[in-house]
């Protein structure tokens, strides 16, 4: 039973992280490009926001600052790996701005996971 609980908590985050790494390792010609400048940073933040949300939900962290910090750590770690993979992919480059957007998005997602878990816990009381 413990394995099923862990899979339920961590499965979505692991699957999302794998999707991020898969997409990040694709040549740029295989991916749709943003219509205007800056949209790619918003996409990075949004994609990593989902990762931060799913990962912090799996952690079940006890406080908002820990949720924010864990989201940022996860965003930095996975974002760094993603940018490194992109640097080795034809027609792709690693950008510091993308990594910063990843960290910001994941931190926000982590905080949101904490907030929604508190609302859910309060409604079950």
N, C-alpha and C. Protein backbone atom coordinates (compact mmCIF):
# COMPACT_ATOMS: atom_id res chain seq x y z
N UNK A 1 0.81 -1.20 0.00
CA UNK A 1 0.00 0.00 0.00
C UNK A 1 0.85 1.27 0.00
N UNK A 2 1.98 1.25 0.69
CA UNK A 2 2.83 2.43 0.76
C UNK A 2 3.36 2.78 -0.63
N UNK A 3 3.66 1.77 -1.42
CA UNK A 3 4.16 2.01 -2.77
C UNK A 3 3.09 2.68 -3.62
N UNK A 4 1.84 2.27 -3.48
CA UNK A 4 0.76 2.88 -4.24
C UNK A 4 0.58 4.35 -3.82
N UNK A 5 0.69 4.63 -2.53
CA UNK A 5 0.59 6.00 -2.06
C UNK A 5 1.70 6.87 -2.61
N UNK A 6 2.92 6.33 -2.62
CA UNK A 6 4.05 7.09 -3.16
C UNK A 6 3.89 7.31 -4.66
N UNK A 7 3.41 6.32 -5.37
CA UNK A 7 3.19 6.46 -6.81
C UNK A 7 2.11 7.50 -7.08
N UNK A 8 1.08 7.52 -6.26
CA UNK A 8 0.01 8.48 -6.42
C UNK A 8 0.50 9.91 -6.17
N UNK A 9 1.36 10.05 -5.14
CA UNK A 9 1.88 11.38 -4.81
C UNK A 9 2.94 11.84 -5.82
N UNK A 10 3.85 10.94 -6.21
CA UNK A 10 4.99 11.32 -7.02
C UNK A 10 4.85 11.05 -8.51
N UNK A 11 3.96 10.16 -8.89
CA UNK A 11 3.80 9.79 -10.29
C UNK A 11 3.57 10.99 -11.22
N UNK A 12 2.61 11.86 -10.90
CA UNK A 12 2.38 13.01 -11.78
C UNK A 12 3.60 13.93 -11.93
N UNK A 13 4.31 14.16 -10.83
CA UNK A 13 5.50 15.03 -10.90
C UNK A 13 6.60 14.39 -11.74
N UNK A 14 6.80 13.10 -11.58
CA UNK A 14 7.83 12.40 -12.35
C UNK A 14 7.47 12.39 -13.83
N UNK A 15 6.20 12.13 -14.14
CA UNK A 15 5.76 12.12 -15.54
C UNK A 15 5.92 13.51 -16.17
N UNK A 16 5.55 14.56 -15.43
CA UNK A 16 5.67 15.92 -15.94
C UNK A 16 7.14 16.29 -16.15
N UNK A 17 7.99 15.91 -15.20
CA UNK A 17 9.42 16.19 -15.33
C UNK A 17 10.01 15.48 -16.55
N UNK A 18 9.58 14.26 -16.79
CA UNK A 18 10.05 13.51 -17.96
C UNK A 18 9.60 14.20 -19.25
N UNK A 19 8.37 14.70 -19.27
CA UNK A 19 7.87 15.41 -20.44
C UNK A 19 8.69 16.68 -20.69
N UNK A 20 9.01 17.40 -19.63
CA UNK A 20 9.83 18.61 -19.77
C UNK A 20 11.18 18.27 -20.39
N UNK A 21 11.82 17.23 -19.88
CA UNK A 21 13.13 16.86 -20.38
C UNK A 21 13.04 16.38 -21.83
N UNK A 22 11.99 15.65 -22.16
CA UNK A 22 11.79 15.19 -23.54
C UNK A 22 11.64 16.38 -24.48
N UNK A 23 10.77 17.32 -24.12
CA UNK A 23 10.55 18.48 -24.99
C UNK A 23 11.79 19.36 -25.08
N UNK A 24 12.52 19.47 -23.98
CA UNK A 24 13.74 20.29 -23.97
C UNK A 24 14.85 19.71 -24.81
N UNK A 25 14.79 18.42 -25.08
CA UNK A 25 15.85 17.79 -25.87
C UNK A 25 15.48 17.67 -27.34
N UNK A 26 14.34 18.20 -27.74
CA UNK A 26 13.91 18.18 -29.14
C UNK A 26 14.56 19.34 -29.89
N UNK A 27 14.93 19.10 -31.14
CA UNK A 27 15.41 20.22 -31.95
C UNK A 27 14.32 21.27 -32.10
N UNK A 28 14.71 22.51 -32.22
CA UNK A 28 13.77 23.63 -32.24
C UNK A 28 12.77 23.52 -33.39
N UNK A 29 13.16 22.91 -34.49
CA UNK A 29 12.25 22.79 -35.64
C UNK A 29 11.05 21.90 -35.31
N UNK A 30 11.19 21.03 -34.31
CA UNK A 30 10.10 20.12 -33.92
C UNK A 30 9.08 20.78 -33.00
N UNK A 31 9.38 21.98 -32.51
CA UNK A 31 8.52 22.63 -31.53
C UNK A 31 7.90 23.91 -32.08
N UNK A 32 6.66 24.20 -31.69
CA UNK A 32 6.07 25.48 -32.12
C UNK A 32 6.76 26.64 -31.42
N UNK A 33 7.02 27.69 -32.14
CA UNK A 33 7.71 28.86 -31.58
C UNK A 33 6.71 29.89 -31.09
N UNK A 34 7.03 30.62 -30.03
CA UNK A 34 6.14 31.68 -29.53
C UNK A 34 5.91 32.76 -30.59
N UNK A 35 4.73 33.34 -30.56
CA UNK A 35 4.36 34.34 -31.56
C UNK A 35 5.02 35.70 -31.31
N UNK A 36 5.37 36.01 -30.07
CA UNK A 36 6.00 37.31 -29.80
C UNK A 36 7.05 37.16 -28.71
N UNK A 37 8.02 38.11 -28.69
CA UNK A 37 9.13 38.02 -27.73
C UNK A 37 8.63 38.02 -26.28
N UNK A 38 9.27 37.23 -25.46
CA UNK A 38 8.92 37.16 -24.05
C UNK A 38 7.93 36.06 -23.72
N UNK A 39 7.21 35.60 -24.72
CA UNK A 39 6.24 34.54 -24.47
C UNK A 39 6.92 33.25 -24.03
N UNK A 40 8.14 33.03 -24.52
CA UNK A 40 8.84 31.80 -24.12
C UNK A 40 9.13 31.79 -22.61
N UNK A 41 9.40 32.96 -22.03
CA UNK A 41 9.64 33.02 -20.57
C UNK A 41 8.36 32.71 -19.81
N UNK A 42 7.23 33.22 -20.29
CA UNK A 42 5.94 32.91 -19.67
C UNK A 42 5.62 31.42 -19.79
N UNK A 43 5.98 30.83 -20.91
CA UNK A 43 5.76 29.39 -21.08
C UNK A 43 6.65 28.59 -20.13
N UNK A 44 7.91 29.00 -20.01
CA UNK A 44 8.81 28.34 -19.06
C UNK A 44 8.24 28.41 -17.65
N UNK A 45 7.83 29.59 -17.24
CA UNK A 45 7.29 29.77 -15.88
C UNK A 45 6.03 28.92 -15.68
N UNK A 46 5.18 28.86 -16.67
CA UNK A 46 3.95 28.08 -16.55
C UNK A 46 4.23 26.58 -16.48
N UNK A 47 5.09 26.11 -17.35
CA UNK A 47 5.43 24.68 -17.38
C UNK A 47 6.08 24.26 -16.07
N UNK A 48 7.00 25.09 -15.59
CA UNK A 48 7.67 24.77 -14.33
C UNK A 48 6.79 25.05 -13.13
N UNK A 49 5.80 25.91 -13.28
CA UNK A 49 4.81 26.11 -12.23
C UNK A 49 4.04 24.82 -11.97
N UNK A 50 3.68 24.12 -13.05
CA UNK A 50 3.01 22.83 -12.90
C UNK A 50 3.94 21.84 -12.22
N UNK A 51 5.21 21.82 -12.61
CA UNK A 51 6.17 20.90 -11.96
C UNK A 51 6.30 21.22 -10.47
N UNK A 52 6.44 22.49 -10.13
CA UNK A 52 6.55 22.88 -8.71
C UNK A 52 5.32 22.48 -7.94
N UNK A 53 4.15 22.69 -8.52
CA UNK A 53 2.89 22.32 -7.87
C UNK A 53 2.84 20.82 -7.61
N UNK A 54 3.12 20.03 -8.64
CA UNK A 54 3.03 18.57 -8.50
C UNK A 54 4.08 18.02 -7.53
N UNK A 55 5.30 18.56 -7.59
CA UNK A 55 6.36 18.07 -6.72
C UNK A 55 6.11 18.44 -5.26
N UNK A 56 5.71 19.66 -4.99
CA UNK A 56 5.45 20.08 -3.61
C UNK A 56 4.21 19.37 -3.07
N UNK A 57 3.25 19.11 -3.93
CA UNK A 57 2.09 18.31 -3.52
C UNK A 57 2.55 16.93 -3.06
N UNK A 58 3.52 16.36 -3.77
CA UNK A 58 4.07 15.07 -3.39
C UNK A 58 4.84 15.12 -2.08
N UNK A 59 5.50 16.25 -1.83
CA UNK A 59 6.27 16.40 -0.59
C UNK A 59 5.39 16.57 0.64
N UNK A 60 4.21 17.14 0.45
CA UNK A 60 3.32 17.47 1.56
C UNK A 60 4.05 18.32 2.60
N UNK A 61 4.67 19.38 2.13
CA UNK A 61 5.48 20.26 2.98
C UNK A 61 4.61 21.04 3.98
N UNK A 62 5.12 21.26 5.20
CA UNK A 62 4.30 21.82 6.26
C UNK A 62 4.12 23.34 6.29
N UNK A 63 4.84 24.09 5.52
CA UNK A 63 4.71 25.54 5.64
C UNK A 63 4.87 26.26 4.32
N UNK A 64 4.37 27.49 4.22
CA UNK A 64 4.43 28.20 2.94
C UNK A 64 5.85 28.53 2.49
N UNK A 65 6.73 28.86 3.42
CA UNK A 65 8.10 29.19 3.03
C UNK A 65 8.85 27.96 2.58
N UNK A 66 8.58 26.84 3.23
CA UNK A 66 9.21 25.59 2.78
C UNK A 66 8.69 25.19 1.41
N UNK A 67 7.40 25.36 1.19
CA UNK A 67 6.81 25.04 -0.12
C UNK A 67 7.44 25.92 -1.20
N UNK A 68 7.58 27.20 -0.90
CA UNK A 68 8.19 28.13 -1.85
C UNK A 68 9.65 27.74 -2.10
N UNK A 69 10.38 27.43 -1.03
CA UNK A 69 11.79 27.06 -1.17
C UNK A 69 11.96 25.76 -1.93
N UNK A 70 11.16 24.75 -1.59
CA UNK A 70 11.26 23.47 -2.31
C UNK A 70 10.90 23.64 -3.77
N UNK A 71 9.89 24.45 -4.05
CA UNK A 71 9.55 24.73 -5.44
C UNK A 71 10.72 25.35 -6.19
N UNK A 72 11.38 26.31 -5.55
CA UNK A 72 12.53 26.97 -6.17
C UNK A 72 13.69 25.99 -6.37
N UNK A 73 13.95 25.14 -5.40
CA UNK A 73 15.04 24.15 -5.52
C UNK A 73 14.75 23.17 -6.65
N UNK A 74 13.52 22.70 -6.70
CA UNK A 74 13.13 21.77 -7.76
C UNK A 74 13.21 22.46 -9.12
N UNK A 75 12.72 23.69 -9.20
CA UNK A 75 12.77 24.44 -10.45
C UNK A 75 14.20 24.68 -10.91
N UNK A 76 15.08 25.05 -9.97
CA UNK A 76 16.47 25.28 -10.34
C UNK A 76 17.12 23.98 -10.80
N UNK A 77 16.94 22.92 -10.04
CA UNK A 77 17.60 21.65 -10.35
C UNK A 77 17.15 21.10 -11.70
N UNK A 78 15.85 21.01 -11.90
CA UNK A 78 15.35 20.44 -13.15
C UNK A 78 15.56 21.43 -14.30
N UNK A 79 15.41 22.72 -14.03
CA UNK A 79 15.64 23.73 -15.06
C UNK A 79 17.09 23.73 -15.53
N UNK A 80 18.03 23.57 -14.59
CA UNK A 80 19.44 23.51 -14.96
C UNK A 80 19.70 22.30 -15.85
N UNK A 81 19.14 21.16 -15.46
CA UNK A 81 19.30 19.94 -16.26
C UNK A 81 18.70 20.13 -17.65
N UNK A 82 17.53 20.75 -17.71
CA UNK A 82 16.86 21.00 -18.99
C UNK A 82 17.69 21.94 -19.87
N UNK A 83 18.19 23.02 -19.30
CA UNK A 83 19.01 23.96 -20.07
C UNK A 83 20.30 23.31 -20.54
N UNK A 84 20.88 22.47 -19.69
CA UNK A 84 22.10 21.76 -20.08
C UNK A 84 21.80 20.82 -21.26
N UNK A 85 20.67 20.11 -21.21
CA UNK A 85 20.28 19.23 -22.31
C UNK A 85 20.05 20.04 -23.59
N UNK A 86 19.46 21.22 -23.44
CA UNK A 86 19.22 22.05 -24.62
C UNK A 86 20.53 22.54 -25.23
N UNK A 87 21.54 22.76 -24.40
CA UNK A 87 22.82 23.23 -24.93
C UNK A 87 23.49 22.16 -25.80
N UNK A 88 23.12 20.90 -25.61
CA UNK A 88 23.69 19.81 -26.40
C UNK A 88 22.77 19.39 -27.55
N UNK A 89 21.67 20.10 -27.72
CA UNK A 89 20.70 19.78 -28.76
C UNK A 89 20.90 20.71 -29.95
N UNK A 90 20.91 20.16 -31.18
CA UNK A 90 21.08 21.02 -32.35
C UNK A 90 20.02 22.13 -32.42
N UNK A 91 20.47 23.32 -32.77
CA UNK A 91 19.61 24.51 -32.93
C UNK A 91 18.94 24.95 -31.63
N UNK A 92 19.44 24.54 -30.48
CA UNK A 92 18.91 24.98 -29.19
C UNK A 92 20.03 25.63 -28.41
N UNK A 93 19.68 26.53 -27.51
CA UNK A 93 20.67 27.17 -26.65
C UNK A 93 20.15 27.18 -25.22
N UNK A 94 21.08 27.24 -24.30
CA UNK A 94 20.74 27.39 -22.88
C UNK A 94 20.71 28.88 -22.57
N UNK A 95 19.69 29.32 -21.84
CA UNK A 95 19.57 30.74 -21.51
C UNK A 95 19.32 30.91 -20.01
N UNK A 96 20.04 31.85 -19.42
CA UNK A 96 19.86 32.16 -18.01
C UNK A 96 18.44 32.65 -17.75
N UNK A 97 17.89 33.43 -18.65
CA UNK A 97 16.52 33.93 -18.49
C UNK A 97 15.50 32.81 -18.41
N UNK A 98 15.72 31.75 -19.18
CA UNK A 98 14.83 30.59 -19.11
C UNK A 98 14.93 29.92 -17.75
N UNK A 99 16.16 29.77 -17.26
CA UNK A 99 16.35 29.15 -15.95
C UNK A 99 15.70 29.98 -14.84
N UNK A 100 15.82 31.29 -14.91
CA UNK A 100 15.19 32.15 -13.91
C UNK A 100 13.67 32.04 -13.97
N UNK A 101 13.12 31.96 -15.18
CA UNK A 101 11.68 31.78 -15.34
C UNK A 101 11.25 30.42 -14.78
N UNK A 102 12.08 29.40 -14.98
CA UNK A 102 11.80 28.06 -14.43
C UNK A 102 11.71 28.11 -12.91
N UNK A 103 12.68 28.75 -12.29
CA UNK A 103 12.73 28.85 -10.83
C UNK A 103 11.53 29.62 -10.29
N UNK A 104 11.24 30.76 -10.91
CA UNK A 104 10.11 31.57 -10.46
C UNK A 104 8.79 30.81 -10.60
N UNK A 105 8.61 30.14 -11.72
CA UNK A 105 7.38 29.38 -11.94
C UNK A 105 7.23 28.23 -10.97
N UNK A 106 8.31 27.49 -10.75
CA UNK A 106 8.25 26.34 -9.83
C UNK A 106 8.02 26.80 -8.40
N UNK A 107 8.63 27.90 -8.00
CA UNK A 107 8.41 28.43 -6.65
C UNK A 107 6.95 28.83 -6.47
N UNK A 108 6.39 29.51 -7.47
CA UNK A 108 4.98 29.91 -7.41
C UNK A 108 4.08 28.67 -7.38
N UNK A 109 4.41 27.67 -8.17
CA UNK A 109 3.64 26.43 -8.16
C UNK A 109 3.71 25.72 -6.83
N UNK A 110 4.89 25.72 -6.21
CA UNK A 110 5.04 25.12 -4.88
C UNK A 110 4.20 25.83 -3.85
N UNK A 111 4.21 27.15 -3.89
CA UNK A 111 3.40 27.93 -2.95
C UNK A 111 1.91 27.64 -3.18
N UNK A 112 1.50 27.57 -4.44
CA UNK A 112 0.11 27.29 -4.76
C UNK A 112 -0.31 25.90 -4.27
N UNK A 113 0.60 24.93 -4.37
CA UNK A 113 0.30 23.59 -3.86
C UNK A 113 0.05 23.63 -2.36
N UNK A 114 0.86 24.39 -1.65
CA UNK A 114 0.66 24.53 -0.21
C UNK A 114 -0.68 25.18 0.09
N UNK A 115 -0.98 26.27 -0.60
CA UNK A 115 -2.24 26.99 -0.36
C UNK A 115 -3.45 26.12 -0.64
N UNK A 116 -3.43 25.39 -1.75
CA UNK A 116 -4.59 24.56 -2.08
C UNK A 116 -4.73 23.39 -1.14
N UNK A 117 -3.62 22.87 -0.63
CA UNK A 117 -3.70 21.75 0.32
C UNK A 117 -4.30 22.23 1.65
N UNK A 118 -4.00 23.47 2.04
CA UNK A 118 -4.58 24.02 3.29
C UNK A 118 -6.07 24.25 3.12
N UNK A 119 -6.48 24.73 1.96
CA UNK A 119 -7.91 24.96 1.71
C UNK A 119 -8.64 23.63 1.74
N UNK A 120 -8.05 22.63 1.09
CA UNK A 120 -8.66 21.30 1.05
C UNK A 120 -8.73 20.70 2.46
N UNK A 121 -7.67 20.86 3.25
CA UNK A 121 -7.65 20.33 4.62
C UNK A 121 -8.68 21.01 5.47
N UNK A 122 -8.85 22.33 5.32
CA UNK A 122 -9.83 23.08 6.09
C UNK A 122 -11.25 22.65 5.73
N UNK A 123 -11.50 22.36 4.46
CA UNK A 123 -12.85 22.00 4.04
C UNK A 123 -13.22 20.58 4.49
N UNK A 124 -12.21 19.76 4.84
CA UNK A 124 -12.49 18.39 5.28
C UNK A 124 -12.70 18.30 6.78
N UNK A 125 -12.46 19.38 7.51
CA UNK A 125 -12.62 19.38 8.96
C UNK A 125 -14.06 19.55 9.34
